[in-house]
């Protein structure tokens, strides 16, 4: 049994691959066609607003240190993205 546990890979490459897989899963799975994106000025304002939201979320990200809290925070961000898309 101990031999099987020792075979678990801790290489940086393996961790990088798992992180890429996680990021792909965490991204929005459905992107709706938003009609306001057809107007150049509205698209610009939307992009600015989205950048402000992302910057704010990144500032709060550092406050969570335990794995459980980090996971809850990431799930909350995904839910907020979905709600924002529903509002728009």
PDB file of N, CA and C in Angstrom:
ATOM      1  N   UNK A   1       0.824  -1.196   0.000  1.00  0.00           N
ATOM      2  CA  UNK A   1       0.000   0.000   0.000  1.00  0.00           C
ATOM      3  C   UNK A   1       0.863   1.253   0.000  1.00  0.00           C
ATOM      4  N   UNK A   2       1.945   1.245   0.791  1.00  0.00           N
ATOM      5  CA  UNK A   2       2.807   2.420   0.843  1.00  0.00           C
ATOM      6  C   UNK A   2       3.444   2.706  -0.505  1.00  0.00           C
ATOM      7  N   UNK A   3       3.751   1.670  -1.275  1.00  0.00           N
ATOM      8  CA  UNK A   3       4.346   1.847  -2.593  1.00  0.00           C
ATOM      9  C   UNK A   3       3.415   2.583  -3.531  1.00  0.00           C
ATOM     10  N   UNK A   4       2.130   2.305  -3.434  1.00  0.00           N
ATOM     11  CA  UNK A   4       1.156   2.981  -4.291  1.00  0.00           C
ATOM     12  C   UNK A   4       1.052   4.461  -3.941  1.00  0.00           C
ATOM     13  N   UNK A   5       1.122   4.771  -2.661  1.00  0.00           N
ATOM     14  CA  UNK A   5       1.048   6.162  -2.252  1.00  0.00           C
ATOM     15  C   UNK A   5       2.283   6.939  -2.681  1.00  0.00           C
ATOM     16  N   UNK A   6       3.424   6.296  -2.712  1.00  0.00           N
ATOM     17  CA  UNK A   6       4.669   6.955  -3.083  1.00  0.00           C
ATOM     18  C   UNK A   6       4.722   7.257  -4.576  1.00  0.00           C
ATOM     19  N   UNK A   7       3.918   6.565  -5.391  1.00  0.00           N
ATOM     20  CA  UNK A   7       3.930   6.780  -6.826  1.00  0.00           C
ATOM     21  C   UNK A   7       3.179   8.043  -7.238  1.00  0.00           C
ATOM     22  N   UNK A   8       2.487   8.673  -6.300  1.00  0.00           N
ATOM     23  CA  UNK A   8       1.748   9.891  -6.619  1.00  0.00           C
ATOM     24  C   UNK A   8       2.731  10.976  -7.034  1.00  0.00           C
ATOM     25  N   UNK A   9       2.485  11.591  -8.167  1.00  0.00           N
ATOM     26  CA  UNK A   9       3.421  12.558  -8.744  1.00  0.00           C
ATOM     27  C   UNK A   9       3.254  13.925  -8.096  1.00  0.00           C
ATOM     28  N   UNK A  10       4.360  14.505  -7.694  1.00  0.00           N
ATOM     29  CA  UNK A  10       4.360  15.866  -7.155  1.00  0.00           C
ATOM     30  C   UNK A  10       5.122  16.812  -8.068  1.00  0.00           C
ATOM     31  N   UNK A  11       5.324  16.433  -9.288  1.00  0.00           N
ATOM     32  CA  UNK A  11       6.129  17.251 -10.192  1.00  0.00           C
ATOM     33  C   UNK A  11       5.419  18.560 -10.517  1.00  0.00           C
ATOM     34  N   UNK A  12       6.205  19.560 -10.842  1.00  0.00           N
ATOM     35  CA  UNK A  12       5.672  20.875 -11.192  1.00  0.00           C
ATOM     36  C   UNK A  12       4.821  20.797 -12.448  1.00  0.00           C
ATOM     37  N   UNK A  13       5.234  19.968 -13.400  1.00  0.00           N
ATOM     38  CA  UNK A  13       4.486  19.822 -14.644  1.00  0.00           C
ATOM     39  C   UNK A  13       3.093  19.276 -14.371  1.00  0.00           C
ATOM     40  N   UNK A  14       3.005  18.281 -13.493  1.00  0.00           N
ATOM     41  CA  UNK A  14       1.714  17.692 -13.151  1.00  0.00           C
ATOM     42  C   UNK A  14       0.813  18.731 -12.488  1.00  0.00           C
ATOM     43  N   UNK A  15       1.376  19.517 -11.594  1.00  0.00           N
ATOM     44  CA  UNK A  15       0.592  20.556 -10.919  1.00  0.00           C
ATOM     45  C   UNK A  15       0.129  21.617 -11.912  1.00  0.00           C
ATOM     46  N   UNK A  16       1.000  21.963 -12.851  1.00  0.00           N
ATOM     47  CA  UNK A  16       0.648  22.950 -13.868  1.00  0.00           C
ATOM     48  C   UNK A  16      -0.494  22.445 -14.735  1.00  0.00           C
ATOM     49  N   UNK A  17      -0.435  21.183 -15.120  1.00  0.00           N
ATOM     50  CA  UNK A  17      -1.504  20.593 -15.932  1.00  0.00           C
ATOM     51  C   UNK A  17      -2.824  20.588 -15.170  1.00  0.00           C
ATOM     52  N   UNK A  18      -2.780  20.235 -13.898  1.00  0.00           N
ATOM     53  CA  UNK A  18      -4.004  20.219 -13.093  1.00  0.00           C
ATOM     54  C   UNK A  18      -4.566  21.629 -12.934  1.00  0.00           C
ATOM     55  N   UNK A  19      -3.683  22.621 -12.788  1.00  0.00           N
ATOM     56  CA  UNK A  19      -4.134  24.000 -12.665  1.00  0.00           C
ATOM     57  C   UNK A  19      -4.797  24.472 -13.953  1.00  0.00           C
ATOM     58  N   UNK A  20      -4.236  24.113 -15.098  1.00  0.00           N
ATOM     59  CA  UNK A  20      -4.837  24.467 -16.386  1.00  0.00           C
ATOM     60  C   UNK A  20      -6.207  23.821 -16.535  1.00  0.00           C
ATOM     61  N   UNK A  21      -6.318  22.552 -16.120  1.00  0.00           N
ATOM     62  CA  UNK A  21      -7.608  21.866 -16.182  1.00  0.00           C
ATOM     63  C   UNK A  21      -8.631  22.564 -15.297  1.00  0.00           C
ATOM     64  N   UNK A  22      -8.210  22.968 -14.098  1.00  0.00           N
ATOM     65  CA  UNK A  22      -9.122  23.646 -13.181  1.00  0.00           C
ATOM     66  C   UNK A  22      -9.583  24.975 -13.773  1.00  0.00           C
ATOM     67  N   UNK A  23      -8.636  25.741 -14.327  1.00  0.00           N
ATOM     68  CA  UNK A  23      -9.000  27.038 -14.895  1.00  0.00           C
ATOM     69  C   UNK A  23      -9.982  26.875 -16.047  1.00  0.00           C
ATOM     70  N   UNK A  24      -9.803  25.834 -16.846  1.00  0.00           N
ATOM     71  CA  UNK A  24     -10.724  25.593 -17.957  1.00  0.00           C
ATOM     72  C   UNK A  24     -12.122  25.282 -17.428  1.00  0.00           C
ATOM     73  N   UNK A  25     -12.197  24.538 -16.327  1.00  0.00           N
ATOM     74  CA  UNK A  25     -13.497  24.213 -15.738  1.00  0.00           C
ATOM     75  C   UNK A  25     -14.125  25.426 -15.059  1.00  0.00           C
ATOM     76  N   UNK A  26     -13.299  26.288 -14.502  1.00  0.00           N
ATOM     77  CA  UNK A  26     -13.808  27.427 -13.752  1.00  0.00           C
ATOM     78  C   UNK A  26     -14.293  28.558 -14.657  1.00  0.00           C
ATOM     79  N   UNK A  27     -13.846  28.588 -15.891  1.00  0.00           N
ATOM     80  CA  UNK A  27     -14.298  29.622 -16.819  1.00  0.00           C
ATOM     81  C   UNK A  27     -15.785  29.452 -17.102  1.00  0.00           C
ATOM     82  N   UNK A  28     -16.378  30.502 -17.616  1.00  0.00           N
ATOM     83  CA  UNK A  28     -17.796  30.423 -17.952  1.00  0.00           C
ATOM     84  C   UNK A  28     -18.007  29.323 -18.982  1.00  0.00           C
ATOM     85  N   UNK A  29     -18.992  28.500 -18.736  1.00  0.00           N
ATOM     86  CA  UNK A  29     -19.248  27.401 -19.653  1.00  0.00           C
ATOM     87  C   UNK A  29     -20.169  27.815 -20.785  1.00  0.00           C
ATOM     88  N   UNK A  30     -21.014  28.797 -20.540  1.00  0.00           N
ATOM     89  CA  UNK A  30     -21.950  29.255 -21.567  1.00  0.00           C
ATOM     90  C   UNK A  30     -21.775  30.755 -21.736  1.00  0.00           C
ATOM     91  N   UNK A  31     -21.580  31.183 -22.948  1.00  0.00           N
ATOM     92  CA  UNK A  31     -21.473  32.611 -23.235  1.00  0.00           C
ATOM     93  C   UNK A  31     -22.675  33.006 -24.080  1.00  0.00           C
ATOM     94  N   UNK A  32     -23.546  33.821 -23.505  1.00  0.00           N
ATOM     95  CA  UNK A  32     -24.744  34.250 -24.207  1.00  0.00           C
ATOM     96  C   UNK A  32     -24.429  35.409 -25.142  1.00  0.00           C
ATOM     97  N   UNK A  33     -25.171  35.496 -26.225  1.00  0.00           N
ATOM     98  CA  UNK A  33     -25.045  36.619 -27.152  1.00  0.00           C
ATOM     99  C   UNK A  33     -25.774  37.802 -26.532  1.00  0.00           C
ATOM    100  N   UNK A  34     -25.035  38.844 -26.200  1.00  0.00           N
ATOM    101  CA  UNK A  34     -25.614  40.021 -25.581  1.00  0.00           C
ATOM    102  C   UNK A  34     -25.765  41.112 -26.636  1.00  0.00           C
ATOM    103  N   UNK A  35     -26.977  41.623 -26.792  1.00  0.00           N
ATOM    104  CA  UNK A  35     -27.253  42.601 -27.844  1.00  0.00           C
ATOM    105  C   UNK A  35     -26.571  43.943 -27.600  1.00  0.00           C
ATOM    106  N   UNK A  36     -26.305  44.260 -26.341  1.00  0.00           N
ATOM    107  CA  UNK A  36     -25.630  45.532 -26.090  1.00  0.00           C
ATOM    108  C   UNK A  36     -24.196  45.520 -26.607  1.00  0.00           C
ATOM    109  N   UNK A  37     -23.651  44.344 -26.881  1.00  0.00           N
ATOM    110  CA  UNK A  37     -22.286  44.250 -27.395  1.00  0.00           C
ATOM    111  C   UNK A  37     -22.208  44.659 -28.867  1.00  0.00           C
ATOM    112  N   UNK A  38     -23.355  44.876 -29.492  1.00  0.00           N
ATOM    113  CA  UNK A  38     -23.374  45.319 -30.884  1.00  0.00           C
ATOM    114  C   UNK A  38     -23.037  46.807 -31.020  1.00  0.00           C
ATOM    115  N   UNK A  39     -23.184  47.554 -29.954  1.00  0.00           N
ATOM    116  CA  UNK A  39     -22.920  48.989 -29.972  1.00  0.00           C
ATOM    117  C   UNK A  39     -21.529  49.227 -29.378  1.00  0.00           C
ATOM    118  N   UNK A  40     -20.681  49.912 -30.133  1.00  0.00           N
ATOM    119  CA  UNK A  40     -19.275  50.080 -29.759  1.00  0.00           C
ATOM    120  C   UNK A  40     -19.106  50.756 -28.395  1.00  0.00           C
ATOM    121  N   UNK A  41     -19.841  51.829 -28.151  1.00  0.00           N
ATOM    122  CA  UNK A  41     -19.704  52.561 -26.895  1.00  0.00           C
ATOM    123  C   UNK A  41     -20.146  51.703 -25.705  1.00  0.00           C
ATOM    124  N   UNK A  42     -21.242  50.975 -25.856  1.00  0.00           N
ATOM    125  CA  UNK A  42     -21.707  50.106 -24.773  1.00  0.00           C
ATOM    126  C   UNK A  42     -20.728  48.969 -24.521  1.00  0.00           C
ATOM    127  N   UNK A  43     -20.135  48.448 -25.590  1.00  0.00           N
ATOM    128  CA  UNK A  43     -19.148  47.378 -25.445  1.00  0.00           C
ATOM    129  C   UNK A  43     -17.933  47.890 -24.663  1.00  0.00           C
ATOM    130  N   UNK A  44     -17.519  49.123 -24.950  1.00  0.00           N
ATOM    131  CA  UNK A  44     -16.383  49.721 -24.249  1.00  0.00           C
ATOM    132  C   UNK A  44     -16.697  49.889 -22.763  1.00  0.00           C
ATOM    133  N   UNK A  45     -17.883  50.397 -22.451  1.00  0.00           N
ATOM    134  CA  UNK A  45     -18.291  50.564 -21.054  1.00  0.00           C
ATOM    135  C   UNK A  45     -18.401  49.219 -20.341  1.00  0.00           C
ATOM    136  N   UNK A  46     -18.922  48.218 -21.042  1.00  0.00           N
ATOM    137  CA  UNK A  46     -19.029  46.880 -20.468  1.00  0.00           C
ATOM    138  C   UNK A  46     -17.644  46.337 -20.132  1.00  0.00           C
ATOM    139  N   UNK A  47     -16.690  46.535 -21.033  1.00  0.00           N
ATOM    140  CA  UNK A  47     -15.327  46.051 -20.807  1.00  0.00           C
ATOM    141  C   UNK A  47     -14.686  46.759 -19.617  1.00  0.00           C
ATOM    142  N   UNK A  48     -14.887  48.069 -19.505  1.00  0.00           N
ATOM    143  CA  UNK A  48     -14.353  48.815 -18.364  1.00  0.00           C
ATOM    144  C   UNK A  48     -14.962  48.324 -17.056  1.00  0.00           C
ATOM    145  N   UNK A  49     -16.274  48.134 -17.054  1.00  0.00           N
ATOM    146  CA  UNK A  49     -16.969  47.649 -15.863  1.00  0.00           C
ATOM    147  C   UNK A  49     -16.473  46.262 -15.475  1.00  0.00           C
ATOM    148  N   UNK A  50     -16.305  45.400 -16.460  1.00  0.00           N
ATOM    149  CA  UNK A  50     -15.837  44.044 -16.203  1.00  0.00           C
ATOM    150  C   UNK A  50     -14.424  44.064 -15.614  1.00  0.00           C
ATOM    151  N   UNK A  51     -13.571  44.960 -16.091  1.00  0.00           N
ATOM    152  CA  UNK A  51     -12.207  45.075 -15.577  1.00  0.00           C
ATOM    153  C   UNK A  51     -12.225  45.528 -14.117  1.00  0.00           C
ATOM    154  N   UNK A  52     -13.083  46.473 -13.791  1.00  0.00           N
ATOM    155  CA  UNK A  52     -13.201  46.946 -12.408  1.00  0.00           C
ATOM    156  C   UNK A  52     -13.652  45.809 -11.496  1.00  0.00           C
ATOM    157  N   UNK A  53     -14.621  45.030 -11.948  1.00  0.00           N
ATOM    158  CA  UNK A  53     -15.112  43.891 -11.164  1.00  0.00           C
ATOM    159  C   UNK A  53     -13.999  42.879 -10.954  1.00  0.00           C
ATOM    160  N   UNK A  54     -13.260  42.535 -12.007  1.00  0.00           N
ATOM    161  CA  UNK A  54     -12.158  41.563 -11.908  1.00  0.00           C
ATOM    162  C   UNK A  54     -11.069  42.056 -10.952  1.00  0.00           C
ATOM    163  N   UNK A  55     -10.732  43.357 -11.035  1.00  0.00           N
ATOM    164  CA  UNK A  55      -9.716  43.914 -10.138  1.00  0.00           C
ATOM    165  C   UNK A  55     -10.163  43.824  -8.684  1.00  0.00           C
ATOM    166  N   UNK A  56     -11.433  44.130  -8.431  1.00  0.00           N
ATOM    167  CA  UNK A  56     -11.973  44.042  -7.073  1.00  0.00           C
ATOM    168  C   UNK A  56     -11.934  42.609  -6.561  1.00  0.00           C
ATOM    169  N   UNK A  57     -12.327  41.666  -7.401  1.00  0.00           N
ATOM    170  CA  UNK A  57     -12.308  40.262  -6.995  1.00  0.00           C
ATOM    171  C   UNK A  57     -10.887  39.784  -6.712  1.00  0.00           C
ATOM    172  N   UNK A  58      -9.913  40.237  -7.478  1.00  0.00           N
ATOM    173  CA  UNK A  58      -8.514  39.860  -7.252  1.00  0.00           C
ATOM    174  C   UNK A  58      -8.002  40.409  -5.922  1.00  0.00           C
ATOM    175  N   UNK A  59      -8.443  41.623  -5.552  1.00  0.00           N
ATOM    176  CA  UNK A  59      -8.015  42.190  -4.268  1.00  0.00           C
ATOM    177  C   UNK A  59      -8.550  41.364  -3.103  1.00  0.00           C
ATOM    178  N   UNK A  60      -9.778  40.886  -3.211  1.00  0.00           N
ATOM    179  CA  UNK A  60     -10.369  40.098  -2.132  1.00  0.00           C
ATOM    180  C   UNK A  60      -9.831  38.671  -2.096  1.00  0.00           C
ATOM    181  N   UNK A  61      -9.329  38.190  -3.203  1.00  0.00           N
ATOM    182  CA  UNK A  61      -8.849  36.810  -3.305  1.00  0.00           C
ATOM    183  C   UNK A  61      -7.776  36.498  -2.261  1.00  0.00           C
ATOM    184  N   UNK A  62      -6.900  37.430  -1.986  1.00  0.00           N
ATOM    185  CA  UNK A  62      -5.802  37.212  -1.048  1.00  0.00           C
ATOM    186  C   UNK A  62      -6.235  37.078   0.399  1.00  0.00           C
ATOM    187  N   UNK A  63      -7.452  37.434   0.707  1.00  0.00           N
ATOM    188  CA  UNK A  63      -7.927  37.371   2.092  1.00  0.00           C
ATOM    189  C   UNK A  63      -8.240  35.951   2.549  1.00  0.00           C
ATOM    190  N   UNK A  64      -8.405  35.046   1.608  1.00  0.00           N
ATOM    191  CA  UNK A  64      -8.792  33.684   1.944  1.00  0.00           C
ATOM    192  C   UNK A  64      -7.566  32.788   1.900  1.00  0.00           C
ATOM    193  N   UNK A  65      -7.286  32.115   3.018  1.00  0.00           N
ATOM    194  CA  UNK A  65      -6.048  31.344   3.119  1.00  0.00           C
ATOM    195  C   UNK A  65      -6.265  29.839   3.213  1.00  0.00           C
ATOM    196  N   UNK A  66      -7.386  29.398   3.749  1.00  0.00           N
ATOM    197  CA  UNK A  66      -7.601  27.953   3.856  1.00  0.00           C
ATOM    198  C   UNK A  66      -8.186  27.418   2.559  1.00  0.00           C
ATOM    199  N   UNK A  67      -7.952  26.141   2.311  1.00  0.00           N
ATOM    200  CA  UNK A  67      -8.447  25.531   1.072  1.00  0.00           C
ATOM    201  C   UNK A  67      -9.964  25.638   0.969  1.00  0.00           C
ATOM    202  N   UNK A  68     -10.645  25.427   2.076  1.00  0.00           N
ATOM    203  CA  UNK A  68     -12.110  25.472   2.068  1.00  0.00           C
ATOM    204  C   UNK A  68     -12.603  26.876   1.712  1.00  0.00           C
ATOM    205  N   UNK A  69     -12.023  27.886   2.341  1.00  0.00           N
ATOM    206  CA  UNK A  69     -12.451  29.260   2.061  1.00  0.00           C
ATOM    207  C   UNK A  69     -12.104  29.687   0.644  1.00  0.00           C
ATOM    208  N   UNK A  70     -10.943  29.262   0.141  1.00  0.00           N
ATOM    209  CA  UNK A  70     -10.558  29.583  -1.233  1.00  0.00           C
ATOM    210  C   UNK A  70     -11.551  28.960  -2.208  1.00  0.00           C
ATOM    211  N   UNK A  71     -11.929  27.713  -1.953  1.00  0.00           N
ATOM    212  CA  UNK A  71     -12.879  27.023  -2.825  1.00  0.00           C
ATOM    213  C   UNK A  71     -14.240  27.706  -2.792  1.00  0.00           C
ATOM    214  N   UNK A  72     -14.697  28.063  -1.609  1.00  0.00           N
ATOM    215  CA  UNK A  72     -15.982  28.758  -1.480  1.00  0.00           C
ATOM    216  C   UNK A  72     -15.931  30.094  -2.216  1.00  0.00           C
ATOM    217  N   UNK A  73     -14.827  30.814  -2.086  1.00  0.00           N
ATOM    218  CA  UNK A  73     -14.679  32.098  -2.776  1.00  0.00           C
ATOM    219  C   UNK A  73     -14.722  31.914  -4.288  1.00  0.00           C
ATOM    220  N   UNK A  74     -14.029  30.909  -4.808  1.00  0.00           N
ATOM    221  CA  UNK A  74     -14.026  30.666  -6.254  1.00  0.00           C
ATOM    222  C   UNK A  74     -15.422  30.311  -6.750  1.00  0.00           C
ATOM    223  N   UNK A  75     -16.155  29.508  -5.976  1.00  0.00           N
ATOM    224  CA  UNK A  75     -17.527  29.169  -6.354  1.00  0.00           C
ATOM    225  C   UNK A  75     -18.423  30.404  -6.320  1.00  0.00           C
ATOM    226  N   UNK A  76     -18.190  31.273  -5.346  1.00  0.00           N
ATOM    227  CA  UNK A  76     -18.966  32.502  -5.253  1.00  0.00           C
ATOM    228  C   UNK A  76     -18.713  33.397  -6.471  1.00  0.00           C
ATOM    229  N   UNK A  77     -17.463  33.472  -6.912  1.00  0.00           N
ATOM    230  CA  UNK A  77     -17.122  34.285  -8.083  1.00  0.00           C
ATOM    231  C   UNK A  77     -17.811  33.733  -9.328  1.00  0.00           C
ATOM    232  N   UNK A  78     -17.838  32.413  -9.473  1.00  0.00           N
ATOM    233  CA  UNK A  78     -18.521  31.789 -10.610  1.00  0.00           C
ATOM    234  C   UNK A  78     -20.011  32.128 -10.576  1.00  0.00           C
ATOM    235  N   UNK A  79     -20.614  32.058  -9.386  1.00  0.00           N
ATOM    236  CA  UNK A  79     -22.037  32.376  -9.246  1.00  0.00           C
ATOM    237  C   UNK A  79     -22.302  33.852  -9.556  1.00  0.00           C
ATOM    238  N   UNK A  80     -21.415  34.735  -9.111  1.00  0.00           N
ATOM    239  CA  UNK A  80     -21.582  36.161  -9.403  1.00  0.00           C
ATOM    240  C   UNK A  80     -21.471  36.439 -10.897  1.00  0.00           C
ATOM    241  N   UNK A  81     -20.558  35.753 -11.574  1.00  0.00           N
ATOM    242  CA  UNK A  81     -20.448  35.899 -13.034  1.00  0.00           C
ATOM    243  C   UNK A  81     -21.743  35.482 -13.723  1.00  0.00           C
ATOM    244  N   UNK A  82     -22.314  34.378 -13.261  1.00  0.00           N
ATOM    245  CA  UNK A  82     -23.561  33.894 -13.855  1.00  0.00           C
ATOM    246  C   UNK A  82     -24.696  34.886 -13.614  1.00  0.00           C
ATOM    247  N   UNK A  83     -24.776  35.428 -12.406  1.00  0.00           N
ATOM    248  CA  UNK A  83     -25.829  36.395 -12.094  1.00  0.00           C
ATOM    249  C   UNK A  83     -25.648  37.686 -12.885  1.00  0.00           C
ATOM    250  N   UNK A  84     -24.416  38.129 -13.029  1.00  0.00           N
ATOM    251  CA  UNK A  84     -24.158  39.336 -13.811  1.00  0.00           C
ATOM    252  C   UNK A  84     -24.573  39.137 -15.259  1.00  0.00           C
ATOM    253  N   UNK A  85     -24.311  37.966 -15.788  1.00  0.00           N
ATOM    254  CA  UNK A  85     -24.707  37.670 -17.164  1.00  0.00           C
ATOM    255  C   UNK A  85     -26.235  37.651 -17.287  1.00  0.00           C
ATOM    256  N   UNK A  86     -26.923  37.140 -16.262  1.00  0.00           N
ATOM    257  CA  UNK A  86     -28.386  37.137 -16.279  1.00  0.00           C
ATOM    258  C   UNK A  86     -28.951  38.554 -16.219  1.00  0.00           C
ATOM    259  N   UNK A  87     -28.308  39.429 -15.457  1.00  0.00           N
ATOM    260  CA  UNK A  87     -28.766  40.808 -15.338  1.00  0.00           C
ATOM    261  C   UNK A  87     -28.623  41.530 -16.670  1.00  0.00           C
ATOM    262  N   UNK A  88     -27.520  41.286 -17.350  1.00  0.00           N
ATOM    263  CA  UNK A  88     -27.287  41.970 -18.622  1.00  0.00           C
ATOM    264  C   UNK A  88     -28.145  41.362 -19.696  1.00  0.00           C
TER     265      UNK A  88
END
